[in-house]
């Protein structure tokens, strides 16, 4: 698995469509990975963060096996309102 920082940098560099492995690599983050994500995330331009979070929301709606809930909780604190994921996004209850 790629490092979280590497994944975010790849997403920031590449044009859409992104390789699904990059997005899937952000699922199920450990606490250490989440801290790395948070540090790197804030360095990305707002427009890039908007595109990434939008893609993650779409992927999570299409593939319930990918758990981005920790990442989405971290993004709730983003300074940009459009980056914050909708409140209903995440894993279904009971999982």
PDB file of N, CA and C in Angstrom:
ATOM      1  N   UNK A   1       0.842  -1.186   0.000  1.00  0.00           N
ATOM      2  CA  UNK A   1       0.000   0.000   0.000  1.00  0.00           C
ATOM      3  C   UNK A   1       0.885   1.246   0.000  1.00  0.00           C
ATOM      4  N   UNK A   2       0.469   2.243  -0.742  1.00  0.00           N
ATOM      5  CA  UNK A   2       1.209   3.493  -0.803  1.00  0.00           C
ATOM      6  C   UNK A   2       1.006   4.311   0.466  1.00  0.00           C
ATOM      7  N   UNK A   3       2.005   5.102   0.808  1.00  0.00           N
ATOM      8  CA  UNK A   3       1.924   6.017   1.936  1.00  0.00           C
ATOM      9  C   UNK A   3       0.848   7.066   1.661  1.00  0.00           C
ATOM     10  N   UNK A   4       0.142   7.497   2.707  1.00  0.00           N
ATOM     11  CA  UNK A   4      -0.942   8.473   2.573  1.00  0.00           C
ATOM     12  C   UNK A   4      -0.453   9.766   1.922  1.00  0.00           C
ATOM     13  N   UNK A   5       0.706  10.227   2.324  1.00  0.00           N
ATOM     14  CA  UNK A   5       1.251  11.458   1.747  1.00  0.00           C
ATOM     15  C   UNK A   5       1.502  11.285   0.251  1.00  0.00           C
ATOM     16  N   UNK A   6       2.039  10.139  -0.132  1.00  0.00           N
ATOM     17  CA  UNK A   6       2.303   9.851  -1.544  1.00  0.00           C
ATOM     18  C   UNK A   6       0.984   9.818  -2.323  1.00  0.00           C
ATOM     19  N   UNK A   7      -0.022   9.195  -1.747  1.00  0.00           N
ATOM     20  CA  UNK A   7      -1.331   9.120  -2.404  1.00  0.00           C
ATOM     21  C   UNK A   7      -1.883  10.523  -2.647  1.00  0.00           C
ATOM     22  N   UNK A   8      -1.865  11.355  -1.617  1.00  0.00           N
ATOM     23  CA  UNK A   8      -2.395  12.714  -1.763  1.00  0.00           C
ATOM     24  C   UNK A   8      -1.606  13.524  -2.798  1.00  0.00           C
ATOM     25  N   UNK A   9      -0.302  13.358  -2.799  1.00  0.00           N
ATOM     26  CA  UNK A   9       0.516  14.073  -3.778  1.00  0.00           C
ATOM     27  C   UNK A   9       0.212  13.586  -5.198  1.00  0.00           C
ATOM     28  N   UNK A  10       0.006  12.280  -5.372  1.00  0.00           N
ATOM     29  CA  UNK A  10      -0.355  11.734  -6.680  1.00  0.00           C
ATOM     30  C   UNK A  10      -1.700  12.298  -7.132  1.00  0.00           C
ATOM     31  N   UNK A  11      -2.659  12.350  -6.208  1.00  0.00           N
ATOM     32  CA  UNK A  11      -3.971  12.887  -6.542  1.00  0.00           C
ATOM     33  C   UNK A  11      -3.877  14.369  -6.900  1.00  0.00           C
ATOM     34  N   UNK A  12      -3.020  15.096  -6.209  1.00  0.00           N
ATOM     35  CA  UNK A  12      -2.854  16.519  -6.475  1.00  0.00           C
ATOM     36  C   UNK A  12      -2.190  16.762  -7.832  1.00  0.00           C
ATOM     37  N   UNK A  13      -1.271  15.883  -8.221  1.00  0.00           N
ATOM     38  CA  UNK A  13      -0.539  16.021  -9.484  1.00  0.00           C
ATOM     39  C   UNK A  13      -1.344  15.566 -10.683  1.00  0.00           C
ATOM     40  N   UNK A  14      -2.012  14.450 -10.526  1.00  0.00           N
ATOM     41  CA  UNK A  14      -2.702  13.812 -11.650  1.00  0.00           C
ATOM     42  C   UNK A  14      -4.009  14.515 -11.970  1.00  0.00           C
ATOM     43  N   UNK A  15      -4.371  14.420 -13.221  1.00  0.00           N
ATOM     44  CA  UNK A  15      -5.674  14.900 -13.655  1.00  0.00           C
ATOM     45  C   UNK A  15      -6.668  13.752 -13.516  1.00  0.00           C
ATOM     46  N   UNK A  16      -7.935  14.101 -13.321  1.00  0.00           N
ATOM     47  CA  UNK A  16      -8.961  13.071 -13.262  1.00  0.00           C
ATOM     48  C   UNK A  16      -9.056  12.402 -14.625  1.00  0.00           C
ATOM     49  N   UNK A  17      -9.458  11.182 -14.783  1.00  0.00           N
ATOM     50  CA  UNK A  17      -9.847  10.303 -13.687  1.00  0.00           C
ATOM     51  C   UNK A  17      -8.628   9.710 -12.974  1.00  0.00           C
ATOM     52  N   UNK A  18      -8.748   9.614 -11.682  1.00  0.00           N
ATOM     53  CA  UNK A  18      -7.660   9.072 -10.883  1.00  0.00           C
ATOM     54  C   UNK A  18      -7.728   7.564 -10.864  1.00  0.00           C
ATOM     55  N   UNK A  19      -6.580   6.982 -10.663  1.00  0.00           N
ATOM     56  CA  UNK A  19      -6.565   5.532 -10.505  1.00  0.00           C
ATOM     57  C   UNK A  19      -7.321   5.190  -9.230  1.00  0.00           C
ATOM     58  N   UNK A  20      -8.161   4.199  -9.304  1.00  0.00           N
ATOM     59  CA  UNK A  20      -8.980   3.831  -8.152  1.00  0.00           C
ATOM     60  C   UNK A  20      -8.129   3.364  -6.975  1.00  0.00           C
ATOM     61  N   UNK A  21      -6.931   2.872  -7.254  1.00  0.00           N
ATOM     62  CA  UNK A  21      -6.084   2.416  -6.146  1.00  0.00           C
ATOM     63  C   UNK A  21      -5.651   3.581  -5.265  1.00  0.00           C
ATOM     64  N   UNK A  22      -5.514   4.775  -5.860  1.00  0.00           N
ATOM     65  CA  UNK A  22      -5.164   5.940  -5.042  1.00  0.00           C
ATOM     66  C   UNK A  22      -6.294   6.254  -4.070  1.00  0.00           C
ATOM     67  N   UNK A  23      -7.507   6.308  -4.582  1.00  0.00           N
ATOM     68  CA  UNK A  23      -8.652   6.613  -3.724  1.00  0.00           C
ATOM     69  C   UNK A  23      -8.870   5.502  -2.703  1.00  0.00           C
ATOM     70  N   UNK A  24      -8.802   4.261  -3.135  1.00  0.00           N
ATOM     71  CA  UNK A  24      -8.997   3.131  -2.226  1.00  0.00           C
ATOM     72  C   UNK A  24      -7.909   3.102  -1.149  1.00  0.00           C
ATOM     73  N   UNK A  25      -6.733   3.618  -1.468  1.00  0.00           N
ATOM     74  CA  UNK A  25      -5.640   3.655  -0.496  1.00  0.00           C
ATOM     75  C   UNK A  25      -5.896   4.579   0.676  1.00  0.00           C
ATOM     76  N   UNK A  26      -6.919   5.416   0.564  1.00  0.00           N
ATOM     77  CA  UNK A  26      -7.277   6.319   1.664  1.00  0.00           C
ATOM     78  C   UNK A  26      -8.375   5.740   2.551  1.00  0.00           C
ATOM     79  N   UNK A  27      -8.813   4.530   2.255  1.00  0.00           N
ATOM     80  CA  UNK A  27      -9.848   3.874   3.066  1.00  0.00           C
ATOM     81  C   UNK A  27      -9.220   3.206   4.279  1.00  0.00           C
ATOM     82  N   UNK A  28      -9.957   3.196   5.378  1.00  0.00           N
ATOM     83  CA  UNK A  28      -9.533   2.482   6.577  1.00  0.00           C
ATOM     84  C   UNK A  28      -8.227   2.966   7.167  1.00  0.00           C
ATOM     85  N   UNK A  29      -8.038   4.267   7.239  1.00  0.00           N
ATOM     86  CA  UNK A  29      -6.785   4.824   7.751  1.00  0.00           C
ATOM     87  C   UNK A  29      -6.565   4.505   9.227  1.00  0.00           C
ATOM     88  N   UNK A  30      -5.326   4.205   9.574  1.00  0.00           N
ATOM     89  CA  UNK A  30      -4.949   4.058  10.982  1.00  0.00           C
ATOM     90  C   UNK A  30      -4.791   5.459  11.570  1.00  0.00           C
ATOM     91  N   UNK A  31      -4.608   5.545  12.856  1.00  0.00           N
ATOM     92  CA  UNK A  31      -4.425   6.843  13.510  1.00  0.00           C
ATOM     93  C   UNK A  31      -3.180   7.553  12.960  1.00  0.00           C
ATOM     94  N   UNK A  32      -2.101   6.811  12.795  1.00  0.00           N
ATOM     95  CA  UNK A  32      -0.860   7.386  12.266  1.00  0.00           C
ATOM     96  C   UNK A  32      -1.060   7.890  10.846  1.00  0.00           C
ATOM     97  N   UNK A  33      -1.734   7.099  10.037  1.00  0.00           N
ATOM     98  CA  UNK A  33      -2.009   7.500   8.657  1.00  0.00           C
ATOM     99  C   UNK A  33      -2.924   8.724   8.610  1.00  0.00           C
ATOM    100  N   UNK A  34      -3.882   8.764   9.520  1.00  0.00           N
ATOM    101  CA  UNK A  34      -4.804   9.903   9.575  1.00  0.00           C
ATOM    102  C   UNK A  34      -4.063  11.191   9.920  1.00  0.00           C
ATOM    103  N   UNK A  35      -3.086  11.103  10.810  1.00  0.00           N
ATOM    104  CA  UNK A  35      -2.291  12.287  11.147  1.00  0.00           C
ATOM    105  C   UNK A  35      -1.474  12.751   9.945  1.00  0.00           C
ATOM    106  N   UNK A  36      -0.920  11.808   9.219  1.00  0.00           N
ATOM    107  CA  UNK A  36      -0.176  12.130   8.004  1.00  0.00           C
ATOM    108  C   UNK A  36      -1.104  12.755   6.969  1.00  0.00           C
ATOM    109  N   UNK A  37      -2.284  12.170   6.841  1.00  0.00           N
ATOM    110  CA  UNK A  37      -3.286  12.716   5.923  1.00  0.00           C
ATOM    111  C   UNK A  37      -3.611  14.163   6.279  1.00  0.00           C
ATOM    112  N   UNK A  38      -3.892  14.403   7.542  1.00  0.00           N
ATOM    113  CA  UNK A  38      -4.297  15.728   7.994  1.00  0.00           C
ATOM    114  C   UNK A  38      -3.217  16.783   7.713  1.00  0.00           C
ATOM    115  N   UNK A  39      -1.974  16.440   7.984  1.00  0.00           N
ATOM    116  CA  UNK A  39      -0.864  17.378   7.741  1.00  0.00           C
ATOM    117  C   UNK A  39      -0.725  17.692   6.252  1.00  0.00           C
ATOM    118  N   UNK A  40      -0.791  16.675   5.431  1.00  0.00           N
ATOM    119  CA  UNK A  40      -0.622  16.851   3.991  1.00  0.00           C
ATOM    120  C   UNK A  40      -1.851  17.523   3.378  1.00  0.00           C
ATOM    121  N   UNK A  41      -3.015  17.152   3.836  1.00  0.00           N
ATOM    122  CA  UNK A  41      -4.281  17.670   3.318  1.00  0.00           C
ATOM    123  C   UNK A  41      -4.323  19.196   3.354  1.00  0.00           C
ATOM    124  N   UNK A  42      -3.897  19.765   4.460  1.00  0.00           N
ATOM    125  CA  UNK A  42      -3.957  21.219   4.617  1.00  0.00           C
ATOM    126  C   UNK A  42      -2.995  21.968   3.698  1.00  0.00           C
ATOM    127  N   UNK A  43      -2.024  21.256   3.127  1.00  0.00           N
ATOM    128  CA  UNK A  43      -1.074  21.905   2.211  1.00  0.00           C
ATOM    129  C   UNK A  43      -1.595  21.939   0.773  1.00  0.00           C
ATOM    130  N   UNK A  44      -2.641  21.184   0.493  1.00  0.00           N
ATOM    131  CA  UNK A  44      -3.190  21.121  -0.862  1.00  0.00           C
ATOM    132  C   UNK A  44      -4.067  22.334  -1.140  1.00  0.00           C
ATOM    133  N   UNK A  45      -4.082  22.802  -2.375  1.00  0.00           N
ATOM    134  CA  UNK A  45      -4.972  23.907  -2.736  1.00  0.00           C
ATOM    135  C   UNK A  45      -6.442  23.524  -2.508  1.00  0.00           C
ATOM    136  N   UNK A  46      -7.256  24.507  -2.201  1.00  0.00           N
ATOM    137  CA  UNK A  46      -8.672  24.251  -1.913  1.00  0.00           C
ATOM    138  C   UNK A  46      -9.347  23.524  -3.065  1.00  0.00           C
ATOM    139  N   UNK A  47      -9.090  23.945  -4.288  1.00  0.00           N
ATOM    140  CA  UNK A  47      -9.732  23.315  -5.445  1.00  0.00           C
ATOM    141  C   UNK A  47      -9.360  21.830  -5.538  1.00  0.00           C
ATOM    142  N   UNK A  48      -8.127  21.502  -5.233  1.00  0.00           N
ATOM    143  CA  UNK A  48      -7.687  20.099  -5.236  1.00  0.00           C
ATOM    144  C   UNK A  48      -8.406  19.324  -4.143  1.00  0.00           C
ATOM    145  N   UNK A  49      -8.502  19.901  -2.951  1.00  0.00           N
ATOM    146  CA  UNK A  49      -9.213  19.233  -1.854  1.00  0.00           C
ATOM    147  C   UNK A  49     -10.676  19.002  -2.220  1.00  0.00           C
ATOM    148  N   UNK A  50     -11.285  19.960  -2.874  1.00  0.00           N
ATOM    149  CA  UNK A  50     -12.690  19.812  -3.294  1.00  0.00           C
ATOM    150  C   UNK A  50     -12.842  18.639  -4.260  1.00  0.00           C
ATOM    151  N   UNK A  51     -11.931  18.547  -5.231  1.00  0.00           N
ATOM    152  CA  UNK A  51     -12.007  17.467  -6.220  1.00  0.00           C
ATOM    153  C   UNK A  51     -11.800  16.103  -5.565  1.00  0.00           C
ATOM    154  N   UNK A  52     -10.840  16.028  -4.665  1.00  0.00           N
ATOM    155  CA  UNK A  52     -10.550  14.746  -4.009  1.00  0.00           C
ATOM    156  C   UNK A  52     -11.723  14.315  -3.144  1.00  0.00           C
ATOM    157  N   UNK A  53     -12.256  15.227  -2.334  1.00  0.00           N
ATOM    158  CA  UNK A  53     -13.351  14.834  -1.434  1.00  0.00           C
ATOM    159  C   UNK A  53     -14.582  14.448  -2.249  1.00  0.00           C
ATOM    160  N   UNK A  54     -14.824  15.139  -3.338  1.00  0.00           N
ATOM    161  CA  UNK A  54     -15.956  14.800  -4.206  1.00  0.00           C
ATOM    162  C   UNK A  54     -15.798  13.387  -4.771  1.00  0.00           C
ATOM    163  N   UNK A  55     -14.587  13.060  -5.208  1.00  0.00           N
ATOM    164  CA  UNK A  55     -14.321  11.715  -5.738  1.00  0.00           C
ATOM    165  C   UNK A  55     -14.470  10.662  -4.655  1.00  0.00           C
ATOM    166  N   UNK A  56     -14.016  10.969  -3.433  1.00  0.00           N
ATOM    167  CA  UNK A  56     -14.133  10.013  -2.325  1.00  0.00           C
ATOM    168  C   UNK A  56     -15.592   9.778  -1.948  1.00  0.00           C
ATOM    169  N   UNK A  57     -16.388  10.832  -1.951  1.00  0.00           N
ATOM    170  CA  UNK A  57     -17.818  10.688  -1.655  1.00  0.00           C
ATOM    171  C   UNK A  57     -18.459   9.784  -2.707  1.00  0.00           C
ATOM    172  N   UNK A  58     -18.132  10.025  -3.971  1.00  0.00           N
ATOM    173  CA  UNK A  58     -18.687   9.211  -5.049  1.00  0.00           C
ATOM    174  C   UNK A  58     -18.272   7.744  -4.916  1.00  0.00           C
ATOM    175  N   UNK A  59     -17.000   7.516  -4.644  1.00  0.00           N
ATOM    176  CA  UNK A  59     -16.510   6.142  -4.480  1.00  0.00           C
ATOM    177  C   UNK A  59     -17.200   5.464  -3.294  1.00  0.00           C
ATOM    178  N   UNK A  60     -17.354   6.185  -2.185  1.00  0.00           N
ATOM    179  CA  UNK A  60     -17.977   5.586  -0.998  1.00  0.00           C
ATOM    180  C   UNK A  60     -19.436   5.237  -1.238  1.00  0.00           C
ATOM    181  N   UNK A  61     -20.108   6.006  -2.102  1.00  0.00           N
ATOM    182  CA  UNK A  61     -21.505   5.708  -2.429  1.00  0.00           C
ATOM    183  C   UNK A  61     -21.615   4.486  -3.337  1.00  0.00           C
ATOM    184  N   UNK A  62     -20.573   4.234  -4.129  1.00  0.00           N
ATOM    185  CA  UNK A  62     -20.591   3.116  -5.077  1.00  0.00           C
ATOM    186  C   UNK A  62     -19.968   1.841  -4.540  1.00  0.00           C
ATOM    187  N   UNK A  63     -19.156   1.946  -3.493  1.00  0.00           N
ATOM    188  CA  UNK A  63     -18.473   0.769  -2.949  1.00  0.00           C
ATOM    189  C   UNK A  63     -18.487   0.838  -1.425  1.00  0.00           C
ATOM    190  N   UNK A  64     -19.453   0.172  -0.831  1.00  0.00           N
ATOM    191  CA  UNK A  64     -19.613   0.238   0.627  1.00  0.00           C
ATOM    192  C   UNK A  64     -18.511  -0.507   1.378  1.00  0.00           C
ATOM    193  N   UNK A  65     -17.664  -1.248   0.676  1.00  0.00           N
ATOM    194  CA  UNK A  65     -16.580  -1.953   1.363  1.00  0.00           C
ATOM    195  C   UNK A  65     -15.427  -1.012   1.721  1.00  0.00           C
ATOM    196  N   UNK A  66     -15.397   0.166   1.104  1.00  0.00           N
ATOM    197  CA  UNK A  66     -14.345   1.141   1.395  1.00  0.00           C
ATOM    198  C   UNK A  66     -14.809   2.075   2.508  1.00  0.00           C
ATOM    199  N   UNK A  67     -14.057   2.115   3.581  1.00  0.00           N
ATOM    200  CA  UNK A  67     -14.422   2.915   4.754  1.00  0.00           C
ATOM    201  C   UNK A  67     -13.603   4.200   4.812  1.00  0.00           C
ATOM    202  N   UNK A  68     -14.228   5.294   4.448  1.00  0.00           N
ATOM    203  CA  UNK A  68     -13.593   6.610   4.508  1.00  0.00           C
ATOM    204  C   UNK A  68     -14.095   7.418   5.703  1.00  0.00           C
ATOM    205  N   UNK A  69     -14.789   6.789   6.644  1.00  0.00           N
ATOM    206  CA  UNK A  69     -15.443   7.531   7.725  1.00  0.00           C
ATOM    207  C   UNK A  69     -14.451   8.344   8.566  1.00  0.00           C
ATOM    208  N   UNK A  70     -13.301   7.801   8.888  1.00  0.00           N
ATOM    209  CA  UNK A  70     -12.306   8.527   9.688  1.00  0.00           C
ATOM    210  C   UNK A  70     -11.814   9.747   8.905  1.00  0.00           C
ATOM    211  N   UNK A  71     -11.533   9.529   7.646  1.00  0.00           N
ATOM    212  CA  UNK A  71     -11.080  10.606   6.777  1.00  0.00           C
ATOM    213  C   UNK A  71     -12.158  11.690   6.669  1.00  0.00           C
ATOM    214  N   UNK A  72     -13.420  11.291   6.491  1.00  0.00           N
ATOM    215  CA  UNK A  72     -14.505  12.268   6.396  1.00  0.00           C
ATOM    216  C   UNK A  72     -14.638  13.072   7.684  1.00  0.00           C
ATOM    217  N   UNK A  73     -14.456  12.411   8.823  1.00  0.00           N
ATOM    218  CA  UNK A  73     -14.521  13.154  10.105  1.00  0.00           C
ATOM    219  C   UNK A  73     -13.409  14.197  10.176  1.00  0.00           C
ATOM    220  N   UNK A  74     -12.232  13.857   9.697  1.00  0.00           N
ATOM    221  CA  UNK A  74     -11.133  14.826   9.683  1.00  0.00           C
ATOM    222  C   UNK A  74     -11.462  16.006   8.766  1.00  0.00           C
ATOM    223  N   UNK A  75     -12.108  15.725   7.664  1.00  0.00           N
ATOM    224  CA  UNK A  75     -12.433  16.787   6.703  1.00  0.00           C
ATOM    225  C   UNK A  75     -13.565  17.693   7.179  1.00  0.00           C
ATOM    226  N   UNK A  76     -14.308  17.266   8.185  1.00  0.00           N
ATOM    227  CA  UNK A  76     -15.354  18.128   8.735  1.00  0.00           C
ATOM    228  C   UNK A  76     -14.776  19.401   9.327  1.00  0.00           C
ATOM    229  N   UNK A  77     -13.484  19.372   9.650  1.00  0.00           N
ATOM    230  CA  UNK A  77     -12.813  20.533  10.234  1.00  0.00           C
ATOM    231  C   UNK A  77     -12.155  21.416   9.171  1.00  0.00           C
ATOM    232  N   UNK A  78     -12.319  21.068   7.905  1.00  0.00           N
ATOM    233  CA  UNK A  78     -11.677  21.848   6.844  1.00  0.00           C
ATOM    234  C   UNK A  78     -12.209  23.277   6.844  1.00  0.00           C
ATOM    235  N   UNK A  79     -11.326  24.213   6.540  1.00  0.00           N
ATOM    236  CA  UNK A  79     -11.698  25.634   6.515  1.00  0.00           C
ATOM    237  C   UNK A  79     -12.681  25.956   5.392  1.00  0.00           C
ATOM    238  N   UNK A  80     -12.682  25.149   4.339  1.00  0.00           N
ATOM    239  CA  UNK A  80     -13.551  25.391   3.193  1.00  0.00           C
ATOM    240  C   UNK A  80     -14.837  24.582   3.324  1.00  0.00           C
ATOM    241  N   UNK A  81     -15.948  25.266   3.299  1.00  0.00           N
ATOM    242  CA  UNK A  81     -17.247  24.624   3.470  1.00  0.00           C
ATOM    243  C   UNK A  81     -17.528  23.570   2.406  1.00  0.00           C
ATOM    244  N   UNK A  82     -17.095  23.804   1.175  1.00  0.00           N
ATOM    245  CA  UNK A  82     -17.350  22.853   0.093  1.00  0.00           C
ATOM    246  C   UNK A  82     -16.532  21.569   0.223  1.00  0.00           C
ATOM    247  N   UNK A  83     -15.461  21.618   0.977  1.00  0.00           N
ATOM    248  CA  UNK A  83     -14.628  20.426   1.178  1.00  0.00           C
ATOM    249  C   UNK A  83     -15.266  19.493   2.204  1.00  0.00           C
ATOM    250  N   UNK A  84     -15.986  20.051   3.144  1.00  0.00           N
ATOM    251  CA  UNK A  84     -16.602  19.231   4.194  1.00  0.00           C
ATOM    252  C   UNK A  84     -17.619  18.288   3.566  1.00  0.00           C
ATOM    253  N   UNK A  85     -17.496  16.993   3.856  1.00  0.00           N
ATOM    254  CA  UNK A  85     -18.415  16.025   3.251  1.00  0.00           C
ATOM    255  C   UNK A  85     -19.829  16.186   3.809  1.00  0.00           C
ATOM    256  N   UNK A  86     -20.829  15.790   3.015  1.00  0.00           N
ATOM    257  CA  UNK A  86     -22.207  15.836   3.518  1.00  0.00           C
ATOM    258  C   UNK A  86     -22.337  14.993   4.781  1.00  0.00           C
ATOM    259  N   UNK A  87     -23.208  15.381   5.705  1.00  0.00           N
ATOM    260  CA  UNK A  87     -23.299  14.674   6.996  1.00  0.00           C
ATOM    261  C   UNK A  87     -23.787  13.239   6.908  1.00  0.00           C
ATOM    262  N   UNK A  88     -24.400  12.840   5.842  1.00  0.00           N
ATOM    263  CA  UNK A  88     -24.944  11.491   5.733  1.00  0.00           C
ATOM    264  C   UNK A  88     -23.928  10.509   5.196  1.00  0.00           C
ATOM    265  N   UNK A  89     -22.807  10.982   4.697  1.00  0.00           N
ATOM    266  CA  UNK A  89     -21.805  10.110   4.080  1.00  0.00           C
ATOM    267  C   UNK A  89     -21.090   9.297   5.148  1.00  0.00           C
ATOM    268  N   UNK A  90     -20.840   8.063   4.845  1.00  0.00           N
ATOM    269  CA  UNK A  90     -20.118   7.176   5.744  1.00  0.00           C
ATOM    270  C   UNK A  90     -20.675   5.771   5.632  1.00  0.00           C
ATOM    271  N   UNK A  91     -20.254   4.938   6.534  1.00  0.00           N
ATOM    272  CA  UNK A  91     -20.695   3.548   6.509  1.00  0.00           C
ATOM    273  C   UNK A  91     -22.102   3.431   7.058  1.00  0.00           C
ATOM    274  N   UNK A  92     -22.879   2.519   6.518  1.00  0.00           N
ATOM    275  CA  UNK A  92     -24.222   2.292   7.036  1.00  0.00           C
ATOM    276  C   UNK A  92     -24.168   1.849   8.495  1.00  0.00           C
ATOM    277  N   UNK A  93     -25.210   2.158   9.228  1.00  0.00           N
ATOM    278  CA  UNK A  93     -25.257   1.767  10.637  1.00  0.00           C
ATOM    279  C   UNK A  93     -25.224   0.255  10.746  1.00  0.00           C
ATOM    280  N   UNK A  94     -24.633  -0.223  11.827  1.00  0.00           N
ATOM    281  CA  UNK A  94     -24.563  -1.653  12.047  1.00  0.00           C
ATOM    282  C   UNK A  94     -23.338  -2.306  11.468  1.00  0.00           C
ATOM    283  N   UNK A  95     -22.454  -1.523  10.855  1.00  0.00           N
ATOM    284  CA  UNK A  95     -21.229  -2.079  10.285  1.00  0.00           C
ATOM    285  C   UNK A  95     -20.080  -1.799  11.176  1.00  0.00           C
TER     286      UNK A  95
END
